[in-house]
Amino acid sequence: MKKTIKFSTWIKFILVILIVLGIGGFIGYKYYQDYLYKQTNEYKLLELGYTQEEVKLFLDKLEDDQETNLIERTNELEENGYREFLPYFFKCDYFLYDKLDLYLDEVITKKKDFFKYKEPSTYNFDKLVSIVNSHANEEPYTSTRKSDISKGVAMIANKHYQLGDYAPDDLVAIPWKYRFGGANDKIELRQEAYDAYIEMWEAANQEEEIYLLALSGYRSKVEQEKEYNYYKDLRGEAYADTIAARPGWSEHQTGLAIDIYSKECSSATTFKDSKTYKWLVDNSYKYGYILRYTEGDEDITGYHYESWHYRYIGKELAKKVHESKLTYDEYYAFYLDK
């Protein structure tokens, strides 16, 4: 009987020890997990006063080193009055963290100028992001960036990427049937862009009996200078900069840009209302062409809307740009030059 009692007591003692160890282990594990969580960027951001929604937004957008950088910069951003603008920029689809300071330069804080300050909700943050990404916030024609010729037909030329003395070596003259002008006039495109234009011409003619006419194609740097100076002499430099590119910065110099007209139009100004224009907007991307200077995007492209100006970038890329509904400046900045 005594042995049984002693044995039972021993069992109970072991059980008590196991329970105590279990509870202690559980508490210890919980404290350890809390310790680990307090080392995370999520915890540190919450401690800085960001909301759960804001923190989730930051963590979804940023890499680890960028999260750390934001944590380190939060007090500075708070002191300068920028913190309230952060969530608005982070919600933009094409937000790039390395351009955060440039985005913030586009807004006015109470700290910067109390009398010009605007509530964050009054800004179009998507537009601001697009402007910065595409360098349209910079003074035009002042950049030293060179067009990346290695990108082939995807190269970009605008007021922030210059071609310099670039000249393509595979130009092909467009036959009279497919262009505007006299029999001895010459309009050229690079071979790949030419082949695509002819394919597009045939499709438009077969599907809708549309008769496309190429108005202008490749222009050398010297020819572009004459074009630009014509508008400059006509109404001044500011006007010329909205109509024509300066020499060395023109898409026409790539040999990949074409101005298109149609027999159905009485003048170039009516082209945007034509059946031809509608067909091109709906179908040109299938042949590698995109409408380059779209309506309402002058602050990004740097040019007035040009319903006639199309740019060859290749079928695969043109489809992506068409579906994105971005200007090529925006698409290039986010996807190709990121």
Protein backbone atom coordinates (compact mmCIF):
# COMPACT_ATOMS: atom_id res chain seq x y z
CA MET A 1 0.00 0.00 0.00
CA LYS A 2 2.82 2.38 0.90
CA LYS A 3 4.57 1.61 -2.39
CA THR A 4 1.40 2.41 -4.31
CA ILE A 5 1.02 5.76 -2.57
CA LYS A 6 4.62 6.67 -3.20
CA PHE A 7 4.31 5.71 -6.85
CA SER A 8 1.16 7.81 -7.30
CA THR A 9 2.79 10.77 -5.62
CA TRP A 10 5.76 10.48 -7.95
CA ILE A 11 3.48 10.40 -10.97
CA LYS A 12 1.60 13.48 -9.78
CA PHE A 13 4.87 15.28 -9.14
CA ILE A 14 6.05 14.56 -12.68
CA LEU A 15 2.73 15.70 -14.09
CA VAL A 16 2.94 18.96 -12.13
CA ILE A 17 6.50 19.52 -13.37
CA LEU A 18 5.41 18.86 -16.97
CA ILE A 19 2.47 21.24 -16.64
CA VAL A 20 4.67 23.95 -15.16
CA LEU A 21 7.25 23.43 -17.88
CA GLY A 22 4.51 23.51 -20.53
CA ILE A 23 3.04 26.74 -19.19
CA GLY A 24 6.51 28.24 -18.86
CA GLY A 25 7.40 27.16 -22.37
CA PHE A 26 4.21 28.61 -23.75
CA ILE A 27 4.78 31.93 -21.99
CA GLY A 28 8.42 31.92 -23.05
CA TYR A 29 7.47 31.17 -26.65
CA LYS A 30 4.91 33.95 -26.60
CA TYR A 31 7.43 36.44 -25.26
CA TYR A 32 9.95 35.28 -27.85
CA GLN A 33 7.40 35.72 -30.65
CA ASP A 34 6.57 39.19 -29.32
CA TYR A 35 10.29 39.97 -29.28
CA LEU A 36 10.67 38.82 -32.89
CA TYR A 37 7.62 40.82 -34.00
CA LYS A 38 9.03 43.96 -32.40
CA GLN A 39 12.06 43.60 -34.65
CA THR A 40 9.91 43.66 -37.80
CA ASN A 41 9.41 46.71 -40.00
CA GLU A 42 5.66 46.27 -39.65
CA TYR A 43 5.87 46.84 -35.88
CA LYS A 44 8.28 49.74 -36.25
CA LEU A 45 6.02 51.46 -38.76
CA LEU A 46 3.00 51.02 -36.51
CA GLU A 47 5.01 52.45 -33.61
CA LEU A 48 5.70 55.52 -35.75
CA GLY A 49 1.96 56.14 -35.90
CA TYR A 50 1.08 54.80 -39.33
CA THR A 51 -2.30 53.06 -39.56
CA GLN A 52 -2.69 49.34 -40.29
CA GLU A 53 -3.94 50.23 -43.77
CA GLU A 54 -0.95 52.47 -44.45
CA VAL A 55 1.53 49.89 -43.18
CA LYS A 56 0.02 47.20 -45.40
CA LEU A 57 0.30 49.60 -48.33
CA PHE A 58 3.98 50.26 -47.58
CA LEU A 59 4.86 46.61 -47.10
CA ASP A 60 3.12 45.62 -50.35
CA LYS A 61 5.10 48.22 -52.33
CA LEU A 62 8.56 48.17 -50.77
CA GLU A 63 11.61 45.94 -50.58
CA ASP A 64 13.18 45.32 -47.14
CA ASP A 65 15.87 47.97 -47.55
CA GLN A 66 13.27 50.50 -48.72
CA GLU A 67 11.10 49.76 -45.68
CA THR A 68 14.11 50.42 -43.44
CA ASN A 69 14.81 53.65 -45.30
CA LEU A 70 11.23 54.84 -44.85
CA ILE A 71 11.40 54.09 -41.12
CA GLU A 72 14.63 56.06 -40.81
CA ARG A 73 13.18 58.99 -42.77
CA THR A 74 9.74 59.22 -41.18
CA ASN A 75 10.66 61.84 -38.57
CA GLU A 76 12.32 63.99 -41.23
CA LEU A 77 9.25 63.69 -43.49
CA GLU A 78 7.02 64.57 -40.54
CA GLU A 79 9.08 67.65 -39.69
CA ASN A 80 9.01 68.87 -43.29
CA GLY A 81 5.25 68.36 -43.63
CA TYR A 82 5.39 65.58 -46.24
CA ARG A 83 4.17 62.62 -44.22
CA GLU A 84 0.47 63.14 -44.93
CA PHE A 85 1.12 62.83 -48.67
CA LEU A 86 2.83 59.42 -48.49
CA PRO A 87 -0.23 57.10 -48.62
CA TYR A 88 -1.58 58.93 -51.67
CA PHE A 89 1.61 58.37 -53.65
CA PHE A 90 1.94 54.76 -52.50
CA LYS A 91 -1.54 54.00 -53.83
CA CYS A 92 -0.47 54.91 -57.38
CA ASP A 93 0.04 51.92 -59.67
CA TYR A 94 3.29 53.25 -61.11
CA PHE A 95 4.86 54.51 -57.89
CA LEU A 96 8.65 54.06 -57.69
CA TYR A 97 10.18 54.49 -54.24
CA ASP A 98 13.51 55.75 -55.53
CA LYS A 99 11.65 58.76 -56.95
CA LEU A 100 9.84 59.57 -53.69
CA ASP A 101 11.64 62.88 -53.13
CA LEU A 102 10.84 63.98 -56.68
CA TYR A 103 7.17 63.13 -56.16
CA LEU A 104 7.12 65.09 -52.92
CA ASP A 105 8.68 68.09 -54.64
CA GLU A 106 5.50 68.31 -56.71
CA VAL A 107 3.29 69.05 -53.68
CA ILE A 108 3.18 72.05 -51.36
CA THR A 109 3.23 71.53 -47.61
CA LYS A 110 2.24 73.92 -44.87
CA LYS A 111 5.89 73.94 -43.85
CA LYS A 112 6.94 75.00 -47.34
CA ASP A 113 4.33 77.68 -48.01
CA PHE A 114 1.29 77.94 -45.76
CA PHE A 115 -0.55 80.26 -48.16
CA LYS A 116 -0.15 77.97 -51.18
CA TYR A 117 -0.77 74.71 -49.31
CA LYS A 118 -3.42 72.41 -50.76
CA GLU A 119 -5.13 69.44 -49.13
CA PRO A 120 -3.71 66.11 -50.40
CA SER A 121 -7.09 65.06 -51.79
CA THR A 122 -7.00 67.96 -54.27
CA TYR A 123 -3.98 66.59 -56.16
CA ASN A 124 -4.03 64.11 -59.04
CA PHE A 125 -1.32 61.85 -57.65
CA ASP A 126 -1.37 59.42 -60.58
CA LYS A 127 -0.62 62.31 -62.90
CA LEU A 128 2.17 63.59 -60.66
CA VAL A 129 3.76 60.13 -60.58
CA SER A 130 3.56 59.88 -64.36
CA ILE A 131 5.09 63.33 -64.84
CA VAL A 132 8.03 62.53 -62.56
CA ASN A 133 8.60 59.01 -63.92
CA SER A 134 8.79 60.31 -67.48
CA HIS A 135 11.04 63.26 -66.46
CA ALA A 136 8.40 65.75 -67.57
CA ASN A 137 8.98 67.63 -64.30
CA GLU A 138 12.41 68.61 -65.65
CA GLU A 139 13.20 71.53 -67.92
CA PRO A 140 12.96 70.22 -71.51
CA TYR A 141 16.09 69.88 -73.64
CA THR A 142 18.43 70.21 -70.64
CA SER A 143 19.08 66.54 -69.93
CA THR A 144 22.28 64.72 -70.87
CA ARG A 145 20.43 61.40 -71.20
CA LYS A 146 21.07 59.61 -74.47
CA SER A 147 18.49 57.51 -76.27
CA ASP A 148 19.40 53.87 -75.70
CA ILE A 149 19.98 52.71 -79.27
CA SER A 150 20.62 49.16 -78.00
CA LYS A 151 16.88 48.86 -77.30
CA GLY A 152 16.27 48.76 -81.05
CA VAL A 153 12.75 49.72 -82.10
CA ALA A 154 11.89 50.27 -78.42
CA MET A 155 14.30 53.23 -78.14
CA ILE A 156 12.79 56.47 -76.94
CA ALA A 157 13.38 60.00 -78.17
CA ASN A 158 11.68 62.95 -76.51
CA LYS A 159 12.54 66.22 -74.80
CA HIS A 160 14.51 64.36 -72.12
CA TYR A 161 16.32 61.72 -74.23
CA GLN A 162 18.44 62.92 -77.10
CA LEU A 163 19.53 61.11 -80.24
CA GLY A 164 22.41 63.42 -81.04
CA ASP A 165 23.77 62.62 -84.49
CA TYR A 166 22.14 59.19 -84.72
CA ALA A 167 21.19 58.07 -88.24
CA PRO A 168 19.69 54.63 -89.10
CA ASP A 169 21.41 52.56 -91.76
CA ASP A 170 18.46 50.51 -93.02
CA LEU A 171 16.12 53.15 -94.48
CA VAL A 172 13.64 52.15 -97.18
CA ALA A 173 11.73 54.53 -99.45
CA ILE A 174 7.93 54.23 -99.35
CA PRO A 175 6.48 53.69 -102.85
CA TRP A 176 4.23 56.38 -104.30
CA LYS A 177 1.11 54.22 -103.87
CA TYR A 178 1.45 54.36 -100.07
CA ARG A 179 2.44 57.98 -99.54
CA PHE A 180 1.52 61.59 -100.12
CA GLY A 181 3.37 63.82 -102.60
CA GLY A 182 4.76 63.68 -106.07
CA ALA A 183 6.36 60.78 -107.92
CA ASN A 184 9.86 62.04 -107.18
CA ASP A 185 9.32 62.84 -103.51
CA LYS A 186 10.96 60.61 -100.92
CA ILE A 187 9.58 59.40 -97.58
CA GLU A 188 11.64 56.78 -95.76
CA LEU A 189 11.30 54.43 -92.80
CA ARG A 190 13.55 51.85 -91.28
CA GLN A 191 13.07 48.43 -92.88
CA GLU A 192 11.09 46.85 -90.02
CA ALA A 193 8.83 49.90 -89.64
CA TYR A 194 8.35 50.03 -93.42
CA ASP A 195 7.31 46.36 -93.62
CA ALA A 196 4.83 46.89 -90.79
CA TYR A 197 3.40 50.02 -92.42
CA ILE A 198 2.78 48.22 -95.71
CA GLU A 199 1.11 45.35 -93.83
CA MET A 200 -1.07 47.86 -91.97
CA TRP A 201 -1.88 49.72 -95.21
CA GLU A 202 -3.06 46.53 -96.89
CA ALA A 203 -5.18 45.52 -93.89
CA ALA A 204 -6.88 48.94 -93.67
CA ASN A 205 -7.55 48.93 -97.40
CA GLN A 206 -8.96 45.41 -97.40
CA GLU A 207 -11.05 45.72 -94.24
CA GLU A 208 -12.47 49.24 -94.62
CA GLU A 209 -11.35 50.41 -98.09
CA ILE A 210 -9.17 52.94 -96.30
CA TYR A 211 -6.37 54.48 -98.31
CA LEU A 212 -3.54 55.49 -95.95
CA LEU A 213 -1.04 58.13 -97.04
CA ALA A 214 2.34 58.59 -95.40
CA LEU A 215 2.95 62.31 -94.98
CA SER A 216 6.36 62.18 -93.33
CA GLY A 217 8.82 59.56 -92.13
CA TYR A 218 12.54 59.77 -91.42
CA ARG A 219 14.03 63.22 -90.99
CA SER A 220 17.73 63.73 -90.45
CA LYS A 221 19.00 66.07 -87.75
CA VAL A 222 19.61 68.73 -90.42
CA GLU A 223 16.11 68.31 -91.88
CA GLN A 224 14.60 68.50 -88.39
CA GLU A 225 16.44 71.75 -87.77
CA LYS A 226 14.76 73.25 -90.83
CA GLU A 227 11.37 71.95 -89.64
CA TYR A 228 11.85 73.38 -86.15
CA ASN A 229 13.14 76.74 -87.37
CA TYR A 230 10.12 77.14 -89.66
CA TYR A 231 7.75 77.11 -86.65
CA LYS A 232 10.18 79.15 -84.57
CA ASP A 233 10.36 81.88 -87.21
CA LEU A 234 6.59 81.72 -87.63
CA ARG A 235 5.51 82.21 -84.01
CA GLY A 236 8.54 81.97 -81.72
CA GLU A 237 10.43 79.31 -79.78
CA ALA A 238 7.73 78.57 -77.19
CA TYR A 239 5.24 77.77 -79.93
CA ALA A 240 7.76 75.75 -81.92
CA ASP A 241 8.48 73.57 -78.88
CA THR A 242 4.85 72.46 -78.74
CA ILE A 243 4.74 71.57 -82.44
CA ALA A 244 8.14 70.23 -83.43
CA ALA A 245 11.12 68.62 -81.71
CA ARG A 246 14.45 70.35 -81.66
CA PRO A 247 17.13 68.82 -83.89
CA GLY A 248 18.69 65.77 -82.29
CA TRP A 249 15.60 65.08 -80.13
CA SER A 250 13.00 64.10 -82.73
CA GLU A 251 11.28 60.73 -83.09
CA HIS A 252 11.39 61.20 -86.85
CA GLN A 253 15.17 60.95 -86.64
CA THR A 254 14.82 57.34 -85.41
CA GLY A 255 13.26 56.32 -88.75
CA LEU A 256 10.47 54.69 -86.73
CA ALA A 257 7.91 57.52 -86.72
CA ILE A 258 5.40 58.24 -89.45
CA ASP A 259 2.79 60.93 -89.96
CA ILE A 260 -0.31 59.45 -91.59
CA TYR A 261 -3.03 61.16 -93.61
CA SER A 262 -5.96 59.80 -95.59
CA LYS A 263 -7.61 60.50 -98.93
CA GLU A 264 -10.97 60.95 -97.20
CA CYS A 265 -9.82 64.08 -95.33
CA SER A 266 -10.02 67.58 -96.71
CA SER A 267 -7.27 68.83 -94.38
CA ALA A 268 -4.93 67.55 -91.65
CA THR A 269 -7.08 69.18 -88.97
CA THR A 270 -10.03 66.93 -89.83
CA PHE A 271 -8.04 63.70 -89.61
CA LYS A 272 -9.02 63.08 -85.97
CA ASP A 273 -12.68 62.91 -87.03
CA SER A 274 -12.10 60.49 -89.88
CA LYS A 275 -12.89 56.81 -90.30
CA THR A 276 -9.19 56.28 -90.95
CA TYR A 277 -8.20 57.73 -87.58
CA LYS A 278 -10.71 55.55 -85.75
CA TRP A 279 -9.40 52.46 -87.53
CA LEU A 280 -5.81 53.34 -86.66
CA VAL A 281 -6.62 53.91 -82.98
CA ASP A 282 -8.33 50.53 -82.82
CA ASN A 283 -5.90 48.55 -84.96
CA SER A 284 -2.46 50.16 -85.41
CA TYR A 285 -0.99 48.34 -82.39
CA LYS A 286 -1.61 45.02 -84.16
CA TYR A 287 1.03 46.10 -86.66
CA GLY A 288 3.46 47.50 -84.09
CA TYR A 289 2.38 51.16 -84.22
CA ILE A 290 1.02 53.36 -81.44
CA LEU A 291 -0.52 56.83 -81.45
CA ARG A 292 2.39 58.70 -79.91
CA TYR A 293 1.06 62.08 -78.75
CA THR A 294 -2.36 61.44 -77.24
CA GLU A 295 -5.02 63.96 -76.33
CA GLY A 296 -4.88 65.32 -72.78
CA ASP A 297 -1.31 64.12 -72.15
CA GLU A 298 0.58 67.21 -73.26
CA ASP A 299 2.13 67.66 -69.81
CA ILE A 300 3.73 64.22 -70.15
CA THR A 301 4.59 63.95 -73.86
CA GLY A 302 5.55 67.62 -74.17
CA TYR A 303 3.61 68.02 -77.43
CA HIS A 304 0.14 69.01 -78.51
CA TYR A 305 -2.16 66.14 -79.45
CA GLU A 306 -1.22 64.81 -82.89
CA SER A 307 -3.80 62.42 -84.32
CA TRP A 308 -1.54 61.71 -87.30
CA HIS A 309 1.75 60.84 -85.57
CA TYR A 310 2.38 57.11 -85.12
CA ARG A 311 5.45 55.39 -83.79
CA TYR A 312 6.65 51.86 -84.55
CA ILE A 313 7.81 49.90 -81.48
CA GLY A 314 7.14 46.30 -82.58
CA LYS A 315 3.95 44.24 -82.35
CA GLU A 316 4.51 42.65 -78.95
CA LEU A 317 5.44 45.90 -77.23
CA ALA A 318 2.74 47.90 -79.02
CA LYS A 319 0.09 45.49 -77.73
CA LYS A 320 1.34 45.95 -74.16
CA VAL A 321 1.40 49.73 -74.45
CA HIS A 322 -2.06 49.76 -76.04
CA GLU A 323 -3.50 47.63 -73.23
CA SER A 324 -1.80 49.68 -70.52
CA LYS A 325 -3.46 52.88 -71.81
CA LEU A 326 -0.24 54.73 -70.94
CA THR A 327 1.70 57.11 -73.11
CA TYR A 328 4.92 55.59 -74.38
CA ASP A 329 6.85 58.01 -72.16
CA GLU A 330 5.12 56.56 -69.08
CA TYR A 331 5.40 52.94 -70.20
CA TYR A 332 9.07 53.29 -71.08
CA ALA A 333 9.88 54.94 -67.74
CA PHE A 334 8.19 52.27 -65.61
CA TYR A 335 8.80 49.06 -67.56
CA LEU A 336 11.82 49.59 -69.82
CA ASP A 337 13.98 52.14 -68.03
CA LYS A 338 13.06 51.22 -64.44
